[in-house]
Amino acid sequence: MSELASQAPRWDLVAASFLTTAALAGMAIGVAADAPTAAGLGAVLLLSAVAVRRPTVPWSRVLLALLLVILFVPIRRYRIPGDLPFQLEPYRVLVGLIVLGWVASLLVDPRAQLRRSSFELPIGLILVAIVTSIAANPTRVSEVQSTVLKSFTFFLSFVVVFYLVVSVVRSRHVLDLLVKTLVAGGALVAVLAVVEARVGVTPFTRLHEVLPFLKPDPSFGGEIGRGSATRAYGPAEHPIALGAALVMLVPLAVYVVRTASARWWFAAAALVVGVLSTVSRTGVVMLLVVGLVFLWLRPRETRRLWPALLPVLIVTHFAVPGTLGSLKQAFLPEDGLVAEQQGMAGSCSSSGRVADLGPTLGEVAEKPFLGYGFGTRITTGPDSNACILDNQWLGMLLEVGAFGAIAWLLLFLSVLRRLGRAAKRDDSPLGWLLVAVTAGIAAYAVGMFTFDALGFIQVTFLLFILLGLGAAAAALRRQPANAALDAASG
């Protein structure tokens, strides 16, 4: 037995070699490019490779830290000074270190194992569509190579975080801890959004006063209003993105109410009021989708909840005056919603969702299958080469073609088929979580018709986190002990 053990591969040495190689490469790039930040990160990795043999912090806690980073660290609002050829933002550093540490843990710790999710086929097809679209457009890709590389690595980080959730969440305790963290953190963000919409003050614009190493990004947009209301940003990149993120947490709040305590209704109400404080039509539409999914999967319980909408609307009226009237005007403008959405044809920054359909579909017809290349459309900044499309499905058709759009559609249909069907016939706590995940992901899929969802980092991270939580919950349902426990508690 000892002889066999001595012949076994030393995965700790493999991991140390992996970290050492990455560290030396980072230090070399930092020295060659005169980039002290890159050299410093390489030095940190080298120290980790030398000093750390096995991880000592449970990955469930690391995952909690990741959720808090995604919720509270402002996206594209601050950066860390340095001479790198891209903006080094705090959340990129933290997410990158966590992902790198987890990969090293897979090599070092036999307890850390990569688990299947049942969504490998659609995710694999999406990756194939992305790579194929890049390979099919070498000339266009070469013109914006750095942007394509950044977009591709961003998408890979979404996938890695998804598998981190699937692989780390192996018990109901960890699952509920993560969900409660998301709901409580989201409720706090929602309350701060209400304050921002009411008085125009938010701590997310003043972090550099507390953390002087953060540098505000001067390209970040200013205040946005609609009607008589001021739209809240929170830690997101845009009010639409904030509203979408909060909507995706609302069904998780309902799950926590159902399985923990009625006191969590305050968090659920805060999330809904926070959504309304963004004065976003997309947020309202996504809330409607959440309600429809709950009506499909839990019709009796959902009908009982309709009266709760009245007090939420009353609280919104007094907490954020002018919001409900501004939303009504946004949905029912004087000349009609369709006319408004095609009234700025020819404007590259905001031509209107209806006005974009004809010209965009004409472009799609020229390269219908593989598109013009993933990440090749730059809509902001001095290097912009394309118009803004407030429709992710149209943007997807342009970049990765029908192949990529169908792959994404298969992913969302897989969620409805696998998680939705399981939720409909399971009234246990895990069944309710599957309802919540299905509702949040369905809302994102519909919201993609009204904003460029994949361009907003925070809300897309939440999509893949929800997908990971759903896959983990489905795996727990298949374990006999958990199935019996859920049946007893349900």
Protein backbone atom coordinates (compact mmCIF):
# COMPACT_ATOMS: atom_id res chain seq x y z
CA MET A 1 0.00 0.00 0.00
CA SER A 2 2.81 2.38 0.90
CA GLU A 3 4.51 1.52 -2.37
CA LEU A 4 1.39 2.46 -4.30
CA ALA A 5 1.14 5.69 -2.35
CA SER A 6 4.71 6.56 -3.13
CA GLN A 7 3.98 6.12 -6.82
CA ALA A 8 0.93 8.39 -6.70
CA PRO A 9 1.32 11.81 -8.31
CA ARG A 10 2.25 14.64 -5.95
CA TRP A 11 -0.55 17.05 -6.75
CA ASP A 12 0.74 19.56 -4.22
CA LEU A 13 3.97 19.79 -6.21
CA VAL A 14 2.01 20.09 -9.44
CA ALA A 15 0.01 22.94 -7.98
CA ALA A 16 3.12 24.64 -6.64
CA SER A 17 4.71 24.34 -10.07
CA PHE A 18 1.60 25.82 -11.66
CA LEU A 19 1.56 28.76 -9.26
CA THR A 20 5.30 29.30 -9.60
CA THR A 21 5.09 29.38 -13.39
CA ALA A 22 2.21 31.87 -13.30
CA ALA A 23 4.04 33.97 -10.73
CA LEU A 24 7.29 34.12 -12.69
CA ALA A 25 5.38 34.95 -15.88
CA GLY A 26 3.56 37.80 -14.11
CA MET A 27 6.78 39.18 -12.67
CA ALA A 28 8.52 38.96 -16.04
CA ILE A 29 5.67 40.77 -17.80
CA GLY A 30 5.63 43.40 -15.07
CA VAL A 31 9.35 44.07 -15.37
CA ALA A 32 9.36 44.04 -19.17
CA ALA A 33 6.34 46.35 -19.44
CA ASP A 34 7.37 48.55 -16.53
CA ALA A 35 4.12 47.61 -14.77
CA PRO A 36 4.69 47.45 -11.00
CA THR A 37 1.15 46.20 -10.32
CA ALA A 38 1.65 43.10 -12.48
CA ALA A 39 5.04 42.48 -10.91
CA GLY A 40 3.52 42.82 -7.44
CA LEU A 41 0.75 40.31 -8.21
CA GLY A 42 3.39 37.92 -9.53
CA ALA A 43 5.33 38.27 -6.28
CA VAL A 44 2.19 37.50 -4.25
CA LEU A 45 1.60 34.35 -6.32
CA LEU A 46 5.21 33.29 -5.86
CA LEU A 47 4.88 33.68 -2.10
CA SER A 48 1.70 31.58 -2.20
CA ALA A 49 3.42 28.83 -4.16
CA VAL A 50 6.29 28.68 -1.66
CA ALA A 51 4.43 29.15 1.61
CA VAL A 52 1.08 27.43 1.10
CA ARG A 53 0.84 23.67 0.67
CA ARG A 54 -2.87 23.15 1.24
CA PRO A 55 -5.79 25.57 1.49
CA THR A 56 -6.98 26.19 5.05
CA VAL A 57 -10.00 28.45 4.43
CA PRO A 58 -13.25 26.60 3.57
CA TRP A 59 -14.28 27.41 0.03
CA SER A 60 -17.83 28.10 1.17
CA ARG A 61 -16.50 31.16 3.04
CA VAL A 62 -14.47 32.22 0.03
CA LEU A 63 -17.62 31.93 -2.05
CA LEU A 64 -19.43 34.15 0.47
CA ALA A 65 -16.69 36.75 0.04
CA LEU A 66 -17.11 36.53 -3.73
CA LEU A 67 -20.86 37.17 -3.44
CA LEU A 68 -20.24 40.23 -1.28
CA VAL A 69 -17.68 41.54 -3.78
CA ILE A 70 -20.13 41.15 -6.65
CA LEU A 71 -22.92 42.84 -4.67
CA PHE A 72 -21.03 45.75 -3.12
CA VAL A 73 -17.91 46.57 -5.14
CA PRO A 74 -18.94 49.17 -7.74
CA ILE A 75 -18.52 47.95 -11.28
CA ARG A 76 -16.42 50.10 -13.65
CA ARG A 77 -16.47 53.01 -11.24
CA TYR A 78 -13.04 52.65 -9.67
CA ARG A 79 -9.71 51.29 -10.80
CA ILE A 80 -6.37 50.53 -9.23
CA PRO A 81 -3.55 52.75 -10.55
CA GLY A 82 -0.89 51.00 -12.61
CA ASP A 83 0.75 50.75 -16.01
CA LEU A 84 -1.19 47.77 -17.29
CA PRO A 85 -2.67 48.01 -20.81
CA PHE A 86 -6.18 47.71 -19.33
CA GLN A 87 -8.07 49.21 -16.41
CA LEU A 88 -7.33 47.13 -13.31
CA GLU A 89 -10.58 47.30 -11.36
CA PRO A 90 -10.86 45.98 -7.76
CA TYR A 91 -13.43 43.30 -8.50
CA ARG A 92 -11.27 41.92 -11.33
CA VAL A 93 -8.35 41.46 -8.94
CA LEU A 94 -10.49 39.80 -6.25
CA VAL A 95 -12.40 37.54 -8.63
CA GLY A 96 -9.17 36.62 -10.41
CA LEU A 97 -7.39 35.67 -7.19
CA ILE A 98 -10.35 33.59 -6.00
CA VAL A 99 -10.60 31.75 -9.31
CA LEU A 100 -6.85 31.14 -9.41
CA GLY A 101 -6.90 29.87 -5.84
CA TRP A 102 -9.75 27.50 -6.58
CA VAL A 103 -7.96 26.08 -9.64
CA ALA A 104 -4.89 25.51 -7.46
CA SER A 105 -7.12 23.89 -4.82
CA LEU A 106 -8.46 21.45 -7.42
CA LEU A 107 -4.86 20.38 -8.01
CA VAL A 108 -3.82 20.27 -4.35
CA ASP A 109 -6.77 19.21 -2.21
CA PRO A 110 -8.44 15.85 -2.91
CA ARG A 111 -11.58 17.16 -1.20
CA ALA A 112 -11.94 19.84 -3.88
CA GLN A 113 -13.58 18.22 -6.88
CA LEU A 114 -15.16 19.57 -10.05
CA ARG A 115 -18.81 18.51 -10.30
CA ARG A 116 -21.07 18.20 -13.30
CA SER A 117 -24.05 20.53 -13.57
CA SER A 118 -26.37 18.97 -16.21
CA PHE A 119 -25.92 22.17 -18.27
CA GLU A 120 -22.65 21.18 -19.94
CA LEU A 121 -24.21 20.85 -23.41
CA PRO A 122 -25.65 24.38 -23.78
CA ILE A 123 -22.67 26.01 -22.04
CA GLY A 124 -20.31 24.04 -24.27
CA LEU A 125 -22.26 25.11 -27.37
CA ILE A 126 -22.06 28.76 -26.25
CA LEU A 127 -18.28 28.48 -25.88
CA VAL A 128 -17.98 26.79 -29.28
CA ALA A 129 -20.10 29.55 -30.85
CA ILE A 130 -17.89 32.23 -29.29
CA VAL A 131 -14.63 30.63 -30.44
CA THR A 132 -16.01 29.87 -33.91
CA SER A 133 -17.25 33.43 -34.40
CA ILE A 134 -13.79 34.75 -33.49
CA ALA A 135 -12.05 32.29 -35.82
CA ALA A 136 -14.42 33.16 -38.69
CA ASN A 137 -13.61 36.90 -38.53
CA PRO A 138 -9.80 37.18 -38.28
CA THR A 139 -9.54 40.62 -39.91
CA ARG A 140 -12.20 42.26 -37.76
CA VAL A 141 -10.91 40.56 -34.62
CA SER A 142 -7.33 41.73 -35.26
CA GLU A 143 -8.51 45.35 -35.28
CA VAL A 144 -9.92 45.10 -31.73
CA GLN A 145 -7.86 42.20 -30.41
CA SER A 146 -7.51 43.48 -26.84
CA THR A 147 -11.26 44.05 -26.49
CA VAL A 148 -12.04 40.58 -27.82
CA LEU A 149 -9.55 39.03 -25.40
CA LYS A 150 -11.05 40.95 -22.47
CA SER A 151 -14.60 39.95 -23.43
CA PHE A 152 -13.60 36.31 -23.81
CA THR A 153 -11.77 36.16 -20.47
CA PHE A 154 -14.74 37.86 -18.80
CA PHE A 155 -17.06 35.19 -20.14
CA LEU A 156 -14.70 32.44 -19.00
CA SER A 157 -14.75 33.98 -15.51
CA PHE A 158 -18.56 33.69 -15.50
CA VAL A 159 -18.30 29.99 -16.37
CA VAL A 160 -15.60 29.36 -13.76
CA VAL A 161 -17.69 31.06 -11.05
CA PHE A 162 -20.65 28.91 -12.11
CA TYR A 163 -18.63 25.72 -11.64
CA LEU A 164 -17.21 27.05 -8.38
CA VAL A 165 -20.76 27.33 -7.02
CA VAL A 166 -21.76 23.91 -8.36
CA SER A 167 -18.66 22.25 -6.91
CA VAL A 168 -18.55 23.97 -3.50
CA VAL A 169 -22.24 23.80 -2.55
CA ARG A 170 -22.71 20.26 -1.25
CA SER A 171 -25.14 20.75 1.65
CA ARG A 172 -28.39 22.53 2.46
CA HIS A 173 -26.57 24.54 5.13
CA VAL A 174 -24.11 26.05 2.65
CA LEU A 175 -26.84 26.51 0.06
CA ASP A 176 -29.09 28.44 2.46
CA LEU A 177 -26.16 30.48 3.77
CA LEU A 178 -25.31 31.67 0.26
CA VAL A 179 -28.94 32.44 -0.59
CA LYS A 180 -29.47 34.40 2.63
CA THR A 181 -26.26 36.34 1.98
CA LEU A 182 -27.50 37.30 -1.47
CA VAL A 183 -30.91 38.34 -0.17
CA ALA A 184 -29.62 40.30 2.83
CA GLY A 185 -26.89 41.97 0.78
CA GLY A 186 -29.32 42.78 -2.01
CA ALA A 187 -31.80 44.24 0.45
CA LEU A 188 -29.09 46.55 1.82
CA VAL A 189 -28.18 47.65 -1.70
CA ALA A 190 -31.89 48.26 -2.37
CA VAL A 191 -32.27 50.44 0.74
CA LEU A 192 -29.22 52.47 -0.28
CA ALA A 193 -30.71 52.79 -3.77
CA VAL A 194 -33.90 54.24 -2.29
CA VAL A 195 -31.81 56.75 -0.32
CA GLU A 196 -29.88 57.61 -3.49
CA ALA A 197 -33.06 58.17 -5.48
CA ARG A 198 -34.53 60.28 -2.68
CA VAL A 199 -31.58 62.52 -1.72
CA GLY A 200 -28.95 61.82 -4.39
CA VAL A 201 -26.34 60.47 -1.95
CA THR A 202 -24.79 57.00 -2.03
CA PRO A 203 -21.66 55.57 -0.40
CA PHE A 204 -20.73 53.86 -3.65
CA THR A 205 -19.45 57.15 -5.07
CA ARG A 206 -17.25 57.90 -2.06
CA LEU A 207 -15.25 54.73 -1.54
CA HIS A 208 -12.05 56.46 -2.66
CA GLU A 209 -12.33 58.73 0.38
CA VAL A 210 -12.06 55.68 2.64
CA LEU A 211 -9.78 53.58 0.40
CA PRO A 212 -7.31 56.05 -1.12
CA PHE A 213 -5.69 53.43 -3.39
CA LEU A 214 -8.88 53.43 -5.47
CA LYS A 215 -8.98 55.88 -8.35
CA PRO A 216 -12.40 57.09 -9.62
CA ASP A 217 -12.93 56.39 -13.30
CA PRO A 218 -13.60 59.77 -15.00
CA SER A 219 -15.50 58.09 -17.84
CA PHE A 220 -18.28 56.89 -15.52
CA GLY A 221 -21.64 58.51 -16.33
CA GLY A 222 -23.39 61.05 -14.16
CA GLU A 223 -26.89 61.35 -12.78
CA ILE A 224 -29.78 60.01 -14.87
CA GLY A 225 -33.36 61.11 -14.43
CA ARG A 226 -36.73 60.06 -15.81
CA GLY A 227 -39.69 62.33 -15.45
CA SER A 228 -39.61 63.90 -12.00
CA ALA A 229 -37.59 61.03 -10.48
CA THR A 230 -33.86 60.51 -10.08
CA ARG A 231 -32.76 57.02 -11.04
CA ALA A 232 -30.54 55.12 -8.61
CA TYR A 233 -27.26 53.50 -9.71
CA GLY A 234 -26.17 51.78 -6.52
CA PRO A 235 -23.01 49.73 -7.15
CA ALA A 236 -24.10 48.91 -10.71
CA GLU A 237 -23.06 50.48 -14.02
CA HIS A 238 -26.52 51.80 -14.90
CA PRO A 239 -29.97 52.05 -13.27
CA ILE A 240 -31.26 49.37 -15.65
CA ALA A 241 -28.52 46.97 -14.52
CA LEU A 242 -29.23 47.70 -10.84
CA GLY A 243 -32.95 47.09 -11.31
CA ALA A 244 -32.29 43.83 -13.16
CA ALA A 245 -29.91 42.59 -10.45
CA LEU A 246 -32.37 43.33 -7.66
CA VAL A 247 -35.21 41.63 -9.54
CA MET A 248 -33.17 38.42 -9.78
CA LEU A 249 -32.85 38.40 -5.99
CA VAL A 250 -36.58 38.89 -5.31
CA PRO A 251 -37.52 35.21 -5.90
CA LEU A 252 -34.66 34.12 -3.61
CA ALA A 253 -36.20 36.32 -0.90
CA VAL A 254 -39.51 34.51 -1.35
CA TYR A 255 -37.69 31.19 -0.89
CA VAL A 256 -36.08 32.42 2.35
CA VAL A 257 -39.46 33.62 3.63
CA ARG A 258 -40.92 30.20 2.86
CA THR A 259 -38.12 28.20 4.51
CA ALA A 260 -36.74 30.45 7.28
CA SER A 261 -38.85 33.26 8.75
CA ALA A 262 -41.59 35.71 7.83
CA ARG A 263 -39.25 38.52 8.90
CA TRP A 264 -37.53 38.11 5.54
CA TRP A 265 -40.59 39.74 3.96
CA PHE A 266 -38.95 43.05 4.87
CA ALA A 267 -35.99 42.10 2.67
CA ALA A 268 -38.31 41.07 -0.16
CA ALA A 269 -40.23 44.34 0.08
CA ALA A 270 -36.97 46.34 0.16
CA LEU A 271 -35.81 44.59 -3.01
CA VAL A 272 -39.05 45.41 -4.86
CA VAL A 273 -38.98 49.07 -3.75
CA GLY A 274 -35.31 49.18 -4.77
CA VAL A 275 -36.23 47.94 -8.23
CA LEU A 276 -38.86 50.66 -8.57
CA SER A 277 -36.38 53.32 -7.39
CA THR A 278 -34.34 52.72 -10.56
CA VAL A 279 -37.41 53.86 -12.59
CA SER A 280 -36.57 51.12 -15.07
CA ARG A 281 -39.13 49.66 -17.44
CA THR A 282 -36.86 46.64 -17.81
CA GLY A 283 -37.00 46.05 -14.05
CA VAL A 284 -40.80 46.19 -14.03
CA VAL A 285 -41.06 43.78 -16.96
CA MET A 286 -38.66 41.38 -15.24
CA LEU A 287 -40.74 41.58 -12.03
CA LEU A 288 -43.78 40.63 -14.10
CA VAL A 289 -41.88 37.61 -15.48
CA VAL A 290 -40.98 36.54 -11.92
CA GLY A 291 -44.66 36.72 -10.98
CA LEU A 292 -45.70 34.68 -14.03
CA VAL A 293 -43.15 31.94 -13.29
CA PHE A 294 -44.37 31.71 -9.70
CA LEU A 295 -47.95 31.62 -10.99
CA TRP A 296 -46.96 28.72 -13.27
CA LEU A 297 -45.05 26.70 -10.66
CA ARG A 298 -46.87 27.73 -7.45
CA PRO A 299 -50.30 29.03 -8.59
CA ARG A 300 -52.20 28.72 -5.32
CA GLU A 301 -49.53 30.34 -3.13
CA THR A 302 -48.91 33.10 -5.68
CA ARG A 303 -52.57 34.14 -5.83
CA ARG A 304 -52.50 34.61 -2.06
CA LEU A 305 -49.63 37.09 -2.37
CA TRP A 306 -51.26 39.56 -4.80
CA PRO A 307 -52.73 41.73 -1.97
CA ALA A 308 -49.16 42.35 -0.73
CA LEU A 309 -48.52 44.53 -3.80
CA LEU A 310 -50.68 47.37 -2.43
CA PRO A 311 -48.58 48.11 0.69
CA VAL A 312 -45.40 47.85 -1.41
CA LEU A 313 -46.74 50.49 -3.80
CA ILE A 314 -47.77 52.71 -0.87
CA VAL A 315 -44.28 52.45 0.65
CA THR A 316 -42.75 53.29 -2.74
CA HIS A 317 -44.97 56.36 -3.11
CA PHE A 318 -43.81 57.80 0.20
CA ALA A 319 -40.21 56.56 0.16
CA VAL A 320 -39.42 57.72 -3.38
CA PRO A 321 -41.96 60.38 -4.41
CA GLY A 322 -42.51 60.70 -8.13
CA THR A 323 -41.28 57.20 -8.97
CA LEU A 324 -44.65 55.61 -9.70
CA GLY A 325 -45.78 58.57 -11.81
CA SER A 326 -42.52 58.54 -13.76
CA LEU A 327 -42.88 54.80 -14.42
CA LYS A 328 -46.44 55.30 -15.62
CA GLN A 329 -45.27 58.03 -17.98
CA ALA A 330 -42.41 55.81 -19.17
CA PHE A 331 -44.80 53.00 -20.11
CA LEU A 332 -47.52 55.32 -21.43
CA PRO A 333 -45.79 58.29 -23.12
CA GLU A 334 -47.92 60.90 -24.83
CA ASP A 335 -47.27 59.61 -28.39
CA GLY A 336 -47.26 55.94 -27.45
CA LEU A 337 -44.48 53.59 -26.44
CA VAL A 338 -43.82 52.21 -29.93
CA ALA A 339 -43.56 55.70 -31.41
CA GLU A 340 -41.15 56.70 -28.66
CA GLN A 341 -38.94 53.67 -29.32
CA GLN A 342 -38.59 54.54 -32.99
CA GLY A 343 -38.54 58.31 -32.64
CA MET A 344 -34.73 58.69 -32.59
CA ALA A 345 -33.82 56.67 -35.67
CA GLY A 346 -30.33 57.50 -36.85
CA SER A 347 -28.94 58.23 -33.38
CA CYS A 348 -26.11 55.82 -32.61
CA SER A 349 -26.35 56.30 -28.86
CA SER A 350 -30.11 55.91 -28.41
CA SER A 351 -32.06 55.29 -31.57
CA GLY A 352 -34.81 53.32 -29.82
CA ARG A 353 -35.40 49.59 -29.54
CA VAL A 354 -37.97 49.47 -32.36
CA ALA A 355 -35.88 51.68 -34.64
CA ASP A 356 -32.91 49.31 -34.19
CA LEU A 357 -34.74 46.21 -35.44
CA GLY A 358 -34.71 46.80 -39.19
CA PRO A 359 -31.10 48.02 -39.62
CA THR A 360 -29.73 45.40 -37.24
CA LEU A 361 -31.53 42.49 -38.90
CA GLY A 362 -30.18 43.76 -42.21
CA GLU A 363 -26.63 43.47 -40.81
CA VAL A 364 -27.40 40.04 -39.40
CA ALA A 365 -28.55 38.84 -42.85
CA GLU A 366 -25.04 39.44 -44.21
CA LYS A 367 -23.46 37.05 -41.67
CA PRO A 368 -26.37 35.06 -40.27
CA PHE A 369 -24.69 31.96 -38.83
CA LEU A 370 -21.45 32.95 -37.08
CA GLY A 371 -21.84 36.74 -36.84
CA TYR A 372 -19.12 39.38 -36.94
CA GLY A 373 -17.08 38.01 -34.04
CA PHE A 374 -17.59 37.85 -30.28
CA GLY A 375 -16.50 41.04 -28.53
CA THR A 376 -15.83 42.98 -31.74
CA ARG A 377 -18.62 45.52 -31.20
CA ILE A 378 -17.39 48.48 -29.11
CA THR A 379 -20.25 50.83 -28.26
CA THR A 380 -18.57 53.27 -25.84
CA GLY A 381 -15.29 55.12 -25.52
CA PRO A 382 -12.91 56.63 -28.07
CA ASP A 383 -12.52 53.32 -29.94
CA SER A 384 -16.26 52.72 -30.44
CA ASN A 385 -17.15 51.12 -33.76
CA ALA A 386 -20.84 50.22 -33.28
CA CYS A 387 -24.11 51.69 -32.06
CA ILE A 388 -25.67 50.88 -28.72
CA LEU A 389 -28.38 48.22 -28.92
CA ASP A 390 -30.69 47.96 -25.94
CA ASN A 391 -31.41 44.38 -26.97
CA GLN A 392 -28.94 41.64 -26.06
CA TRP A 393 -30.58 39.12 -28.39
CA LEU A 394 -29.99 41.44 -31.36
CA GLY A 395 -26.43 42.10 -30.23
CA MET A 396 -25.89 38.36 -29.88
CA LEU A 397 -27.11 37.73 -33.41
CA LEU A 398 -24.62 40.31 -34.65
CA GLU A 399 -21.62 38.99 -32.72
CA VAL A 400 -22.05 35.20 -32.66
CA GLY A 401 -24.83 34.68 -35.21
CA ALA A 402 -27.78 32.32 -35.09
CA PHE A 403 -25.55 29.50 -33.82
CA GLY A 404 -24.69 31.42 -30.66
CA ALA A 405 -28.22 32.75 -30.14
CA ILE A 406 -29.65 29.23 -30.39
CA ALA A 407 -27.04 27.99 -27.89
CA TRP A 408 -28.14 30.66 -25.38
CA LEU A 409 -31.79 29.82 -26.04
CA LEU A 410 -31.02 26.15 -25.32
CA LEU A 411 -29.48 27.14 -22.00
CA PHE A 412 -32.61 29.00 -20.90
CA LEU A 413 -34.90 26.25 -22.19
CA SER A 414 -32.82 23.70 -20.26
CA VAL A 415 -33.42 25.71 -17.09
CA LEU A 416 -37.18 25.72 -17.70
CA ARG A 417 -37.22 22.02 -18.58
CA ARG A 418 -34.89 20.64 -15.90
CA LEU A 419 -35.36 23.01 -12.98
CA GLY A 420 -38.90 24.19 -13.74
CA ARG A 421 -40.33 20.72 -14.16
CA ALA A 422 -38.58 19.46 -11.03
CA ALA A 423 -39.87 22.46 -9.08
CA LYS A 424 -43.46 21.98 -10.22
CA ARG A 425 -43.71 18.49 -8.75
CA ASP A 426 -41.64 19.16 -5.60
CA ASP A 427 -43.14 21.20 -2.75
CA SER A 428 -40.11 20.70 -0.48
CA PRO A 429 -37.75 23.56 0.43
CA LEU A 430 -35.38 22.54 -2.37
CA GLY A 431 -38.34 22.57 -4.73
CA TRP A 432 -39.09 26.16 -3.71
CA LEU A 433 -35.48 27.12 -4.36
CA LEU A 434 -35.76 25.65 -7.84
CA VAL A 435 -38.85 27.84 -8.36
CA ALA A 436 -36.87 30.90 -7.28
CA VAL A 437 -33.90 30.10 -9.52
CA THR A 438 -36.14 29.41 -12.51
CA ALA A 439 -37.97 32.70 -11.99
CA GLY A 440 -34.75 34.73 -11.69
CA ILE A 441 -33.16 33.19 -14.79
CA ALA A 442 -36.36 33.50 -16.83
CA ALA A 443 -36.53 37.19 -15.87
CA TYR A 444 -32.95 37.68 -17.11
CA ALA A 445 -33.74 35.93 -20.40
CA VAL A 446 -36.74 38.19 -21.06
CA GLY A 447 -34.85 41.26 -19.85
CA MET A 448 -32.26 40.58 -22.59
CA PHE A 449 -34.82 41.92 -25.08
CA THR A 450 -34.71 45.38 -23.49
CA PHE A 451 -31.06 45.92 -22.45
CA ASP A 452 -27.61 44.67 -23.40
CA ALA A 453 -27.46 42.31 -20.43
CA LEU A 454 -24.11 40.61 -21.09
CA GLY A 455 -22.40 43.99 -21.13
CA PHE A 456 -23.25 44.50 -17.45
CA ILE A 457 -20.89 42.47 -15.29
CA GLN A 458 -22.75 42.38 -11.98
CA VAL A 459 -26.09 41.15 -13.30
CA THR A 460 -24.42 38.52 -15.51
CA PHE A 461 -22.43 37.20 -12.55
CA LEU A 462 -25.75 36.87 -10.72
CA LEU A 463 -27.15 34.90 -13.67
CA PHE A 464 -24.38 32.31 -13.46
CA ILE A 465 -24.53 32.23 -9.65
CA LEU A 466 -28.26 31.53 -9.80
CA LEU A 467 -27.62 28.86 -12.41
CA GLY A 468 -25.00 27.30 -10.11
CA LEU A 469 -27.33 27.40 -7.12
CA GLY A 470 -30.04 25.72 -9.18
CA ALA A 471 -27.68 22.97 -10.35
CA ALA A 472 -26.46 22.43 -6.78
CA ALA A 473 -30.03 22.27 -5.45
CA ALA A 474 -30.98 19.76 -8.16
CA ALA A 475 -27.98 17.61 -7.19
CA LEU A 476 -28.97 17.75 -3.51
CA ARG A 477 -32.50 16.64 -4.39
CA ARG A 478 -31.07 13.48 -5.92
CA GLN A 479 -29.38 12.50 -2.64
CA PRO A 480 -31.67 10.11 -0.71
CA ALA A 481 -30.97 11.61 2.73
CA ASN A 482 -31.73 15.15 1.56
CA ALA A 483 -34.83 14.00 -0.29
CA ALA A 484 -36.20 12.39 2.89
CA LEU A 485 -35.35 15.49 4.97
CA ASP A 486 -37.03 17.82 2.49
CA ALA A 487 -40.10 15.59 2.34
CA ALA A 488 -40.38 15.75 6.13
CA SER A 489 -39.89 19.53 6.32
CA GLY A 490 -42.11 20.22 3.33
